[in-house]
Amino acid sequence: MSDPTVATALRATRLGRAFRGRSALSDCDLALPAGRVTALVGPNGAGKSTLLQLAAGLLRPTSGEIRVLGHVPGSREARERTAFLAQEKPLHPRFTVADTLRLGRELNRGWDQAVAERLVRAGGIPLTARVGSLSGGNRTRVALALAVGKRARLLLLDEPLADLDPVARHDVTALLMAEAAERGVTIVMSSHVLSELEDVCDHVLLLKDGAVRLAGDAQELCAAHTRLTGRSDPMETDGLPRAFDRSGVVHAVTAGRQVTALVRGPAGAALGDEDRWISETPSLEDLLLAHLRAPRTDRTEAAA
């Protein structure tokens, strides 16, 4: 459940979106806190890009409603406060980098030329270079410069790190974390690279089959689960001891004689020889992977 004392940057109620009769999102309820960096994760086709486009005002809901910073997406108030970076990172190929940043300055009242140029120059990109001549990673830098230079209160970023090399990824994530920490900017960032989210995001939203399956503070969600590792029981298909309460199991996998399981809450149930089991708090990557691999369920988990 969301904390009513925390301001909400993005809220959706029974949100749905269908394309030609096929549902991309269905009955989604979510509330993302302001001033936080939210990791938007899920398998391909889960509805991540659809949610970001709805929040940016590029799509309209088929059902339910969505609000960004209290406003209808696409309204003047929402557009002034929101910046969206699409996965395709569309830029005019014949424009120079300087032309592109000048366009950002002309279209946005709160434009910060210094921060936009700093992000571009950090990648060694000449302002005179044409966008169409840039590598995928450098085009990403220019697109991010447009988003960050707008000085929006809400950044919606669809796979912003996908084309960047490791050094550039580190530099860009450091910039995004600084934006959230120093300016209170809310960032919603989709990514398939789960290992990179641990030190970047403090809130999680996992979509699966077009619905919200996991949501909440990242640390609280990890603390609400336990990762168990022990000797596999060859008489059980999941490898867990027969006496173990499986109602709390998110996902279990057996490799040879060892079984690893992610469970909700503390271990709490009979594990046979307890000294042969390792019980620990899962990493964020472990948590997300288990929920992504878990069988389809109607249950939505949220941090308390």
C-alpha atoms as a PDB file:
ATOM      1  CA  MET A   1       0.000   0.000   0.000  1.00  0.00           C
ATOM      2  CA  SER A   2       1.201   3.562  -0.675  1.00  0.00           C
ATOM      3  CA  ASP A   3       1.948   5.874   2.231  1.00  0.00           C
ATOM      4  CA  PRO A   4      -0.688   8.650   2.309  1.00  0.00           C
ATOM      5  CA  THR A   5       1.863  11.041   3.866  1.00  0.00           C
ATOM      6  CA  VAL A   6       4.145  10.788   0.806  1.00  0.00           C
ATOM      7  CA  ALA A   7       3.396  12.962  -2.231  1.00  0.00           C
ATOM      8  CA  THR A   8       2.510  10.992  -5.359  1.00  0.00           C
ATOM      9  CA  ALA A   9       4.026  11.857  -8.721  1.00  0.00           C
ATOM     10  CA  LEU A  10       2.184   9.288 -10.828  1.00  0.00           C
ATOM     11  CA  ARG A  11      -1.093   7.668  -9.893  1.00  0.00           C
ATOM     12  CA  ALA A  12      -3.305   5.274 -11.834  1.00  0.00           C
ATOM     13  CA  THR A  13      -6.671   3.785 -10.926  1.00  0.00           C
ATOM     14  CA  ARG A  14      -7.992   0.715 -12.759  1.00  0.00           C
ATOM     15  CA  LEU A  15      -5.918   1.848 -15.716  1.00  0.00           C
ATOM     16  CA  GLY A  16      -6.344  -0.097 -18.926  1.00  0.00           C
ATOM     17  CA  ARG A  17      -5.171   0.232 -22.496  1.00  0.00           C
ATOM     18  CA  ALA A  18      -6.050  -2.048 -25.396  1.00  0.00           C
ATOM     19  CA  PHE A  19      -4.786  -2.153 -28.985  1.00  0.00           C
ATOM     20  CA  ARG A  20      -7.154  -3.638 -31.570  1.00  0.00           C
ATOM     21  CA  GLY A  21      -8.984  -5.486 -28.858  1.00  0.00           C
ATOM     22  CA  ARG A  22      -5.836  -6.858 -27.237  1.00  0.00           C
ATOM     23  CA  SER A  23      -5.098  -5.651 -23.725  1.00  0.00           C
ATOM     24  CA  ALA A  24      -1.649  -4.157 -23.022  1.00  0.00           C
ATOM     25  CA  LEU A  25      -2.588  -2.981 -19.517  1.00  0.00           C
ATOM     26  CA  SER A  26      -5.564  -4.067 -17.434  1.00  0.00           C
ATOM     27  CA  ASP A  27      -6.972  -2.740 -14.135  1.00  0.00           C
ATOM     28  CA  CYS A  28      -3.658  -1.269 -12.988  1.00  0.00           C
ATOM     29  CA  ASP A  29      -3.646   0.540  -9.655  1.00  0.00           C
ATOM     30  CA  LEU A  30      -0.383   2.248  -8.766  1.00  0.00           C
ATOM     31  CA  ALA A  31       1.011   5.229  -6.898  1.00  0.00           C
ATOM     32  CA  LEU A  32       4.639   6.223  -7.457  1.00  0.00           C
ATOM     33  CA  PRO A  33       6.153   8.521  -4.806  1.00  0.00           C
ATOM     34  CA  ALA A  34       7.537  11.935  -5.714  1.00  0.00           C
ATOM     35  CA  GLY A  35      11.254  12.587  -5.494  1.00  0.00           C
ATOM     36  CA  ARG A  36      12.197   8.932  -5.906  1.00  0.00           C
ATOM     37  CA  VAL A  37      13.811   6.851  -8.647  1.00  0.00           C
ATOM     38  CA  THR A  38      11.439   4.073  -9.668  1.00  0.00           C
ATOM     39  CA  ALA A  39      12.590   1.000 -11.575  1.00  0.00           C
ATOM     40  CA  LEU A  40       9.918  -0.066 -14.048  1.00  0.00           C
ATOM     41  CA  VAL A  41      10.620  -3.703 -14.876  1.00  0.00           C
ATOM     42  CA  GLY A  42       8.912  -6.596 -16.610  1.00  0.00           C
ATOM     43  CA  PRO A  43       9.282  -8.990 -19.541  1.00  0.00           C
ATOM     44  CA  ASN A  44       8.844  -7.863 -23.128  1.00  0.00           C
ATOM     45  CA  GLY A  45       5.201  -7.074 -23.812  1.00  0.00           C
ATOM     46  CA  ALA A  46       4.398  -6.492 -20.126  1.00  0.00           C
ATOM     47  CA  GLY A  47       3.113  -2.957 -20.782  1.00  0.00           C
ATOM     48  CA  LYS A  48       6.093  -0.857 -19.627  1.00  0.00           C
ATOM     49  CA  SER A  49       6.331   1.346 -22.713  1.00  0.00           C
ATOM     50  CA  THR A  50       2.544   1.633 -22.850  1.00  0.00           C
ATOM     51  CA  LEU A  51       2.454   2.905 -19.257  1.00  0.00           C
ATOM     52  CA  LEU A  52       5.168   5.483 -19.954  1.00  0.00           C
ATOM     53  CA  GLN A  53       3.403   6.685 -23.102  1.00  0.00           C
ATOM     54  CA  LEU A  54       0.136   7.010 -21.176  1.00  0.00           C
ATOM     55  CA  ALA A  55       1.938   9.037 -18.499  1.00  0.00           C
ATOM     56  CA  ALA A  56       3.504  11.229 -21.188  1.00  0.00           C
ATOM     57  CA  GLY A  57       0.122  11.899 -22.777  1.00  0.00           C
ATOM     58  CA  LEU A  58       1.003  10.178 -26.067  1.00  0.00           C
ATOM     59  CA  LEU A  59      -1.727   7.583 -25.537  1.00  0.00           C
ATOM     60  CA  ARG A  60      -5.139   7.782 -23.906  1.00  0.00           C
ATOM     61  CA  PRO A  61      -6.462   5.107 -21.540  1.00  0.00           C
ATOM     62  CA  THR A  62      -9.055   2.670 -22.770  1.00  0.00           C
ATOM     63  CA  SER A  63     -10.361   2.455 -19.207  1.00  0.00           C
ATOM     64  CA  GLY A  64      -9.593   3.930 -15.806  1.00  0.00           C
ATOM     65  CA  GLU A  65      -7.550   7.052 -15.260  1.00  0.00           C
ATOM     66  CA  ILE A  66      -3.973   8.243 -14.816  1.00  0.00           C
ATOM     67  CA  ARG A  67      -2.600  11.458 -13.315  1.00  0.00           C
ATOM     68  CA  VAL A  68       0.911  12.891 -13.331  1.00  0.00           C
ATOM     69  CA  LEU A  69       1.691  15.412 -10.596  1.00  0.00           C
ATOM     70  CA  GLY A  70      -2.061  15.763 -10.132  1.00  0.00           C
ATOM     71  CA  HIS A  71      -2.757  16.643 -13.781  1.00  0.00           C
ATOM     72  CA  VAL A  72      -4.158  14.826 -16.819  1.00  0.00           C
ATOM     73  CA  PRO A  73      -1.279  13.647 -19.041  1.00  0.00           C
ATOM     74  CA  GLY A  74      -1.002  15.765 -22.159  1.00  0.00           C
ATOM     75  CA  SER A  75      -2.504  18.844 -20.517  1.00  0.00           C
ATOM     76  CA  ARG A  76      -0.462  22.059 -20.519  1.00  0.00           C
ATOM     77  CA  GLU A  77       0.282  21.695 -16.804  1.00  0.00           C
ATOM     78  CA  ALA A  78       1.465  18.121 -17.248  1.00  0.00           C
ATOM     79  CA  ARG A  79       3.558  18.844 -20.355  1.00  0.00           C
ATOM     80  CA  GLU A  80       5.446  21.649 -18.616  1.00  0.00           C
ATOM     81  CA  ARG A  81       6.349  19.397 -15.696  1.00  0.00           C
ATOM     82  CA  THR A  82       7.081  16.140 -17.550  1.00  0.00           C
ATOM     83  CA  ALA A  83       9.899  14.998 -19.841  1.00  0.00           C
ATOM     84  CA  PHE A  84       9.696  11.747 -21.777  1.00  0.00           C
ATOM     85  CA  LEU A  85      12.514   9.833 -23.449  1.00  0.00           C
ATOM     86  CA  ALA A  86      11.155   7.140 -25.752  1.00  0.00           C
ATOM     87  CA  GLN A  87      12.984   3.867 -26.300  1.00  0.00           C
ATOM     88  CA  GLU A  88      13.604   4.810 -29.958  1.00  0.00           C
ATOM     89  CA  LYS A  89      15.095   8.165 -28.855  1.00  0.00           C
ATOM     90  CA  PRO A  90      13.678  10.043 -31.861  1.00  0.00           C
ATOM     91  CA  LEU A  91      15.825  12.983 -32.972  1.00  0.00           C
ATOM     92  CA  HIS A  92      16.002  14.887 -36.251  1.00  0.00           C
ATOM     93  CA  PRO A  93      19.007  13.336 -38.057  1.00  0.00           C
ATOM     94  CA  ARG A  94      19.820  16.454 -40.137  1.00  0.00           C
ATOM     95  CA  PHE A  95      19.998  18.755 -37.108  1.00  0.00           C
ATOM     96  CA  THR A  96      23.341  19.419 -35.507  1.00  0.00           C
ATOM     97  CA  VAL A  97      23.671  18.797 -31.784  1.00  0.00           C
ATOM     98  CA  ALA A  98      23.633  22.577 -31.247  1.00  0.00           C
ATOM     99  CA  ASP A  99      20.425  22.857 -33.326  1.00  0.00           C
ATOM    100  CA  THR A 100      18.833  20.109 -31.226  1.00  0.00           C
ATOM    101  CA  LEU A 101      19.674  21.834 -27.950  1.00  0.00           C
ATOM    102  CA  ARG A 102      18.501  25.170 -29.378  1.00  0.00           C
ATOM    103  CA  LEU A 103      15.162  23.542 -30.178  1.00  0.00           C
ATOM    104  CA  GLY A 104      14.958  22.374 -26.569  1.00  0.00           C
ATOM    105  CA  ARG A 105      15.633  25.928 -25.385  1.00  0.00           C
ATOM    106  CA  GLU A 106      12.970  27.424 -27.662  1.00  0.00           C
ATOM    107  CA  LEU A 107      10.286  24.914 -26.654  1.00  0.00           C
ATOM    108  CA  ASN A 108      10.830  24.829 -22.879  1.00  0.00           C
ATOM    109  CA  ARG A 109      10.523  27.837 -20.599  1.00  0.00           C
ATOM    110  CA  GLY A 110      12.590  26.279 -17.816  1.00  0.00           C
ATOM    111  CA  TRP A 111      15.394  25.128 -20.122  1.00  0.00           C
ATOM    112  CA  ASP A 112      18.884  24.769 -18.605  1.00  0.00           C
ATOM    113  CA  GLN A 113      21.404  25.108 -21.433  1.00  0.00           C
ATOM    114  CA  ALA A 114      24.381  24.575 -19.139  1.00  0.00           C
ATOM    115  CA  VAL A 115      23.287  21.169 -17.841  1.00  0.00           C
ATOM    116  CA  ALA A 116      22.283  20.008 -21.341  1.00  0.00           C
ATOM    117  CA  GLU A 117      25.640  21.020 -22.837  1.00  0.00           C
ATOM    118  CA  ARG A 118      27.521  19.480 -19.908  1.00  0.00           C
ATOM    119  CA  LEU A 119      25.881  16.099 -20.530  1.00  0.00           C
ATOM    120  CA  VAL A 120      26.744  16.273 -24.246  1.00  0.00           C
ATOM    121  CA  ARG A 121      30.328  17.471 -23.773  1.00  0.00           C
ATOM    122  CA  ALA A 122      30.981  14.756 -21.165  1.00  0.00           C
ATOM    123  CA  GLY A 123      30.632  12.273 -24.015  1.00  0.00           C
ATOM    124  CA  GLY A 124      33.067  14.184 -26.216  1.00  0.00           C
ATOM    125  CA  ILE A 125      30.320  15.023 -28.702  1.00  0.00           C
ATOM    126  CA  PRO A 126      30.986  18.118 -30.878  1.00  0.00           C
ATOM    127  CA  LEU A 127      28.077  20.547 -30.902  1.00  0.00           C
ATOM    128  CA  THR A 128      28.615  20.926 -34.651  1.00  0.00           C
ATOM    129  CA  ALA A 129      28.090  17.195 -35.351  1.00  0.00           C
ATOM    130  CA  ARG A 130      24.910  16.153 -37.112  1.00  0.00           C
ATOM    131  CA  VAL A 131      22.695  13.852 -35.079  1.00  0.00           C
ATOM    132  CA  GLY A 132      22.442  11.326 -37.929  1.00  0.00           C
ATOM    133  CA  SER A 133      26.224  10.840 -37.875  1.00  0.00           C
ATOM    134  CA  LEU A 134      26.389   9.941 -34.191  1.00  0.00           C
ATOM    135  CA  SER A 135      26.705   6.469 -32.715  1.00  0.00           C
ATOM    136  CA  GLY A 136      23.735   4.973 -30.877  1.00  0.00           C
ATOM    137  CA  GLY A 137      25.317   5.770 -27.519  1.00  0.00           C
ATOM    138  CA  ASN A 138      25.969   9.403 -28.431  1.00  0.00           C
ATOM    139  CA  ARG A 139      22.450   9.856 -29.786  1.00  0.00           C
ATOM    140  CA  THR A 140      21.251   8.566 -26.425  1.00  0.00           C
ATOM    141  CA  ARG A 141      23.357  11.217 -24.678  1.00  0.00           C
ATOM    142  CA  VAL A 142      21.833  13.968 -26.803  1.00  0.00           C
ATOM    143  CA  ALA A 143      18.310  12.662 -26.185  1.00  0.00           C
ATOM    144  CA  LEU A 144      18.999  12.521 -22.433  1.00  0.00           C
ATOM    145  CA  ALA A 145      20.354  16.072 -22.597  1.00  0.00           C
ATOM    146  CA  LEU A 146      17.004  17.196 -24.033  1.00  0.00           C
ATOM    147  CA  ALA A 147      15.095  15.407 -21.276  1.00  0.00           C
ATOM    148  CA  VAL A 148      17.280  16.590 -18.403  1.00  0.00           C
ATOM    149  CA  GLY A 149      17.738  20.120 -19.794  1.00  0.00           C
ATOM    150  CA  LYS A 150      13.993  20.667 -19.683  1.00  0.00           C
ATOM    151  CA  ARG A 151      14.266  20.724 -15.873  1.00  0.00           C
ATOM    152  CA  ALA A 152      11.028  18.799 -15.540  1.00  0.00           C
ATOM    153  CA  ARG A 153       9.720  17.552 -12.208  1.00  0.00           C
ATOM    154  CA  LEU A 154       8.998  14.099 -13.650  1.00  0.00           C
ATOM    155  CA  LEU A 155      11.376  12.216 -15.971  1.00  0.00           C
ATOM    156  CA  LEU A 156       9.909   9.238 -17.844  1.00  0.00           C
ATOM    157  CA  LEU A 157      12.772   7.233 -19.336  1.00  0.00           C
ATOM    158  CA  ASP A 158      12.204   4.150 -21.500  1.00  0.00           C
ATOM    159  CA  GLU A 159      15.396   2.034 -21.550  1.00  0.00           C
ATOM    160  CA  PRO A 160      17.671   5.094 -21.242  1.00  0.00           C
ATOM    161  CA  LEU A 161      20.888   3.103 -20.695  1.00  0.00           C
ATOM    162  CA  ALA A 162      20.482   0.472 -23.418  1.00  0.00           C
ATOM    163  CA  ASP A 163      22.940   1.996 -25.950  1.00  0.00           C
ATOM    164  CA  LEU A 164      25.541   3.316 -23.507  1.00  0.00           C
ATOM    165  CA  ASP A 165      28.950   1.792 -22.783  1.00  0.00           C
ATOM    166  CA  PRO A 166      29.784   0.915 -19.145  1.00  0.00           C
ATOM    167  CA  VAL A 167      31.514   4.238 -18.400  1.00  0.00           C
ATOM    168  CA  ALA A 168      28.698   6.257 -19.923  1.00  0.00           C
ATOM    169  CA  ARG A 169      26.136   4.178 -17.999  1.00  0.00           C
ATOM    170  CA  HIS A 170      27.929   5.012 -14.769  1.00  0.00           C
ATOM    171  CA  ASP A 171      28.076   8.735 -15.607  1.00  0.00           C
ATOM    172  CA  VAL A 172      24.427   8.943 -16.649  1.00  0.00           C
ATOM    173  CA  THR A 173      23.108   7.018 -13.641  1.00  0.00           C
ATOM    174  CA  ALA A 174      25.157   9.283 -11.356  1.00  0.00           C
ATOM    175  CA  LEU A 175      23.540  12.294 -13.032  1.00  0.00           C
ATOM    176  CA  LEU A 176      20.046  10.857 -12.627  1.00  0.00           C
ATOM    177  CA  MET A 177      20.629  10.067  -8.960  1.00  0.00           C
ATOM    178  CA  ALA A 178      21.879  13.614  -8.414  1.00  0.00           C
ATOM    179  CA  GLU A 179      18.767  15.022 -10.108  1.00  0.00           C
ATOM    180  CA  ALA A 180      16.565  13.042  -7.714  1.00  0.00           C
ATOM    181  CA  ALA A 181      18.646  13.793  -4.603  1.00  0.00           C
ATOM    182  CA  GLU A 182      19.436  17.457  -5.169  1.00  0.00           C
ATOM    183  CA  ARG A 183      16.396  18.715  -7.050  1.00  0.00           C
ATOM    184  CA  GLY A 184      13.715  16.284  -5.894  1.00  0.00           C
ATOM    185  CA  VAL A 185      13.043  15.132  -9.454  1.00  0.00           C
ATOM    186  CA  THR A 186      10.906  12.013  -9.795  1.00  0.00           C
ATOM    187  CA  ILE A 187      12.384   9.494 -12.229  1.00  0.00           C
ATOM    188  CA  VAL A 188      10.588   6.468 -13.665  1.00  0.00           C
ATOM    189  CA  MET A 189      13.083   4.357 -15.581  1.00  0.00           C
ATOM    190  CA  SER A 190      12.392   1.112 -17.416  1.00  0.00           C
ATOM    191  CA  SER A 191      15.263  -1.320 -17.795  1.00  0.00           C
ATOM    192  CA  HIS A 192      16.017  -4.972 -18.558  1.00  0.00           C
ATOM    193  CA  VAL A 193      19.444  -4.758 -16.888  1.00  0.00           C
ATOM    194  CA  LEU A 194      18.393  -5.774 -13.383  1.00  0.00           C
ATOM    195  CA  SER A 195      21.909  -5.796 -11.946  1.00  0.00           C
ATOM    196  CA  GLU A 196      22.224  -2.045 -12.572  1.00  0.00           C
ATOM    197  CA  LEU A 197      19.089  -1.140 -10.643  1.00  0.00           C
ATOM    198  CA  GLU A 198      20.340  -2.072  -7.168  1.00  0.00           C
ATOM    199  CA  ASP A 199      22.337   1.131  -6.604  1.00  0.00           C
ATOM    200  CA  VAL A 200      20.159   3.418  -8.715  1.00  0.00           C
ATOM    201  CA  CYS A 201      16.499   2.858  -7.873  1.00  0.00           C
ATOM    202  CA  ASP A 202      14.833   3.081  -4.469  1.00  0.00           C
ATOM    203  CA  HIS A 203      11.322   2.149  -5.601  1.00  0.00           C
ATOM    204  CA  VAL A 204      10.107  -0.768  -7.739  1.00  0.00           C
ATOM    205  CA  LEU A 205       7.169  -1.321 -10.066  1.00  0.00           C
ATOM    206  CA  LEU A 206       7.022  -4.731 -11.760  1.00  0.00           C
ATOM    207  CA  LEU A 207       4.537  -5.330 -14.563  1.00  0.00           C
ATOM    208  CA  LYS A 208       3.662  -8.767 -15.831  1.00  0.00           C
ATOM    209  CA  ASP A 209       0.878  -9.816 -18.200  1.00  0.00           C
ATOM    210  CA  GLY A 210      -0.281  -6.200 -18.338  1.00  0.00           C
ATOM    211  CA  ALA A 211      -0.837  -5.924 -14.579  1.00  0.00           C
ATOM    212  CA  VAL A 212       1.033  -4.707 -11.510  1.00  0.00           C
ATOM    213  CA  ARG A 213       2.638  -7.712  -9.774  1.00  0.00           C
ATOM    214  CA  LEU A 214       5.079  -6.037  -7.382  1.00  0.00           C
ATOM    215  CA  ALA A 215       5.280  -2.471  -6.104  1.00  0.00           C
ATOM    216  CA  GLY A 216       6.918  -0.618  -3.259  1.00  0.00           C
ATOM    217  CA  ASP A 217      10.105   0.606  -1.631  1.00  0.00           C
ATOM    218  CA  ALA A 218      12.998  -1.544  -2.874  1.00  0.00           C
ATOM    219  CA  GLN A 219      14.598  -2.110   0.545  1.00  0.00           C
ATOM    220  CA  GLU A 220      11.266  -2.880   2.198  1.00  0.00           C
ATOM    221  CA  LEU A 221      10.352  -5.382  -0.508  1.00  0.00           C
ATOM    222  CA  CYS A 222      13.695  -7.165  -0.161  1.00  0.00           C
ATOM    223  CA  ALA A 223      13.315  -7.232   3.633  1.00  0.00           C
ATOM    224  CA  ALA A 224       9.847  -8.769   3.239  1.00  0.00           C
ATOM    225  CA  HIS A 225      11.297 -11.806   1.439  1.00  0.00           C
ATOM    226  CA  THR A 226      13.809 -14.525   2.297  1.00  0.00           C
ATOM    227  CA  ARG A 227      16.215 -16.357  -0.009  1.00  0.00           C
ATOM    228  CA  LEU A 228      16.706 -19.969   1.048  1.00  0.00           C
ATOM    229  CA  THR A 229      19.442 -22.277  -0.168  1.00  0.00           C
ATOM    230  CA  GLY A 230      19.774 -25.900   0.890  1.00  0.00           C
ATOM    231  CA  ARG A 231      19.898 -29.564  -0.052  1.00  0.00           C
ATOM    232  CA  SER A 232      17.260 -30.587  -2.551  1.00  0.00           C
ATOM    233  CA  ASP A 233      14.691 -33.227  -1.594  1.00  0.00           C
ATOM    234  CA  PRO A 234      14.735 -35.685  -4.536  1.00  0.00           C
ATOM    235  CA  MET A 235      11.262 -36.927  -3.619  1.00  0.00           C
ATOM    236  CA  GLU A 236       9.673 -33.484  -4.258  1.00  0.00           C
ATOM    237  CA  THR A 237       9.317 -31.897  -7.704  1.00  0.00           C
ATOM    238  CA  ASP A 238      10.297 -28.443  -6.403  1.00  0.00           C
ATOM    239  CA  GLY A 239      13.139 -29.796  -4.277  1.00  0.00           C
ATOM    240  CA  LEU A 240      11.792 -28.306  -1.043  1.00  0.00           C
ATOM    241  CA  PRO A 241      11.152 -30.411   2.075  1.00  0.00           C
ATOM    242  CA  ARG A 242       7.735 -32.049   2.175  1.00  0.00           C
ATOM    243  CA  ALA A 243       6.843 -30.230   5.427  1.00  0.00           C
ATOM    244  CA  PHE A 244       7.623 -26.793   4.021  1.00  0.00           C
ATOM    245  CA  ASP A 245       4.691 -24.382   3.624  1.00  0.00           C
ATOM    246  CA  ARG A 246       4.610 -23.655  -0.084  1.00  0.00           C
ATOM    247  CA  SER A 247       1.962 -20.928   0.094  1.00  0.00           C
ATOM    248  CA  GLY A 248       4.682 -18.324   0.545  1.00  0.00           C
ATOM    249  CA  VAL A 249       7.004 -19.571  -2.192  1.00  0.00           C
ATOM    250  CA  VAL A 250       7.483 -17.091  -5.039  1.00  0.00           C
ATOM    251  CA  HIS A 251       9.823 -19.259  -7.081  1.00  0.00           C
ATOM    252  CA  ALA A 252      12.133 -22.218  -6.481  1.00  0.00           C
ATOM    253  CA  VAL A 253      14.816 -23.698  -8.706  1.00  0.00           C
ATOM    254  CA  THR A 254      16.830 -26.885  -8.330  1.00  0.00           C
ATOM    255  CA  ALA A 255      20.382 -27.288  -9.630  1.00  0.00           C
ATOM    256  CA  GLY A 256      21.878 -30.675  -8.953  1.00  0.00           C
ATOM    257  CA  ARG A 257      21.512 -31.415  -5.252  1.00  0.00           C
ATOM    258  CA  GLN A 258      20.828 -27.794  -4.306  1.00  0.00           C
ATOM    259  CA  VAL A 259      17.560 -25.883  -4.249  1.00  0.00           C
ATOM    260  CA  THR A 260      17.200 -22.119  -4.020  1.00  0.00           C
ATOM    261  CA  ALA A 261      13.844 -20.532  -3.227  1.00  0.00           C
ATOM    262  CA  LEU A 262      12.516 -17.034  -2.692  1.00  0.00           C
ATOM    263  CA  VAL A 263       9.742 -16.951  -0.098  1.00  0.00           C
ATOM    264  CA  ARG A 264       7.563 -14.229   1.341  1.00  0.00           C
ATOM    265  CA  GLY A 265       8.410 -13.284   4.906  1.00  0.00           C
ATOM    266  CA  PRO A 266      10.793 -15.256   7.166  1.00  0.00           C
ATOM    267  CA  ALA A 267      11.451 -18.936   6.513  1.00  0.00           C
ATOM    268  CA  GLY A 268       9.269 -19.844   9.461  1.00  0.00           C
ATOM    269  CA  ALA A 269       8.368 -23.410   8.507  1.00  0.00           C
ATOM    270  CA  ALA A 270      10.016 -26.819   8.871  1.00  0.00           C
ATOM    271  CA  LEU A 271      13.141 -27.080   6.757  1.00  0.00           C
ATOM    272  CA  GLY A 272      14.412 -30.426   7.987  1.00  0.00           C
ATOM    273  CA  ASP A 273      18.036 -30.100   9.088  1.00  0.00           C
ATOM    274  CA  GLU A 274      18.141 -26.344   9.675  1.00  0.00           C
ATOM    275  CA  ASP A 275      21.927 -26.220   9.817  1.00  0.00           C
ATOM    276  CA  ARG A 276      21.992 -27.273   6.170  1.00  0.00           C
ATOM    277  CA  TRP A 277      19.961 -24.272   5.029  1.00  0.00           C
ATOM    278  CA  ILE A 278      21.201 -20.760   4.358  1.00  0.00           C
ATOM    279  CA  SER A 279      18.643 -18.021   4.988  1.00  0.00           C
ATOM    280  CA  GLU A 280      19.378 -14.484   3.783  1.00  0.00           C
ATOM    281  CA  THR A 281      17.757 -11.286   2.566  1.00  0.00           C
ATOM    282  CA  PRO A 282      17.639 -11.333  -1.245  1.00  0.00           C
ATOM    283  CA  SER A 283      19.311  -8.742  -3.423  1.00  0.00           C
ATOM    284  CA  LEU A 284      17.026  -6.602  -5.546  1.00  0.00           C
ATOM    285  CA  GLU A 285      18.107  -8.558  -8.627  1.00  0.00           C
ATOM    286  CA  ASP A 286      17.270 -11.875  -6.917  1.00  0.00           C
ATOM    287  CA  LEU A 287      13.881 -10.513  -5.869  1.00  0.00           C
ATOM    288  CA  LEU A 288      12.954  -9.245  -9.331  1.00  0.00           C
ATOM    289  CA  LEU A 289      14.159 -12.356 -11.121  1.00  0.00           C
ATOM    290  CA  ALA A 290      12.101 -14.613  -8.854  1.00  0.00           C
ATOM    291  CA  HIS A 291       8.940 -12.586  -9.403  1.00  0.00           C
ATOM    292  CA  LEU A 292       9.559 -12.443 -13.151  1.00  0.00           C
ATOM    293  CA  ARG A 293       9.922 -16.236 -13.240  1.00  0.00           C
ATOM    294  CA  ALA A 294       6.996 -16.915 -10.927  1.00  0.00           C
ATOM    295  CA  PRO A 295       3.825 -18.470 -12.362  1.00  0.00           C
ATOM    296  CA  ARG A 296       1.048 -16.096 -13.296  1.00  0.00           C
ATOM    297  CA  THR A 297      -0.980 -14.999 -10.277  1.00  0.00           C
ATOM    298  CA  ASP A 298      -3.693 -12.468  -9.548  1.00  0.00           C
ATOM    299  CA  ARG A 299      -1.906 -11.399  -6.386  1.00  0.00           C
ATOM    300  CA  THR A 300      -0.180  -8.010  -6.292  1.00  0.00           C
ATOM    301  CA  GLU A 301       2.578  -7.567  -3.715  1.00  0.00           C
ATOM    302  CA  ALA A 302       3.412  -4.194  -2.232  1.00  0.00           C
ATOM    303  CA  ALA A 303       5.741  -3.020   0.480  1.00  0.00           C
ATOM    304  CA  ALA A 304       3.955  -2.242   3.717  1.00  0.00           C
END
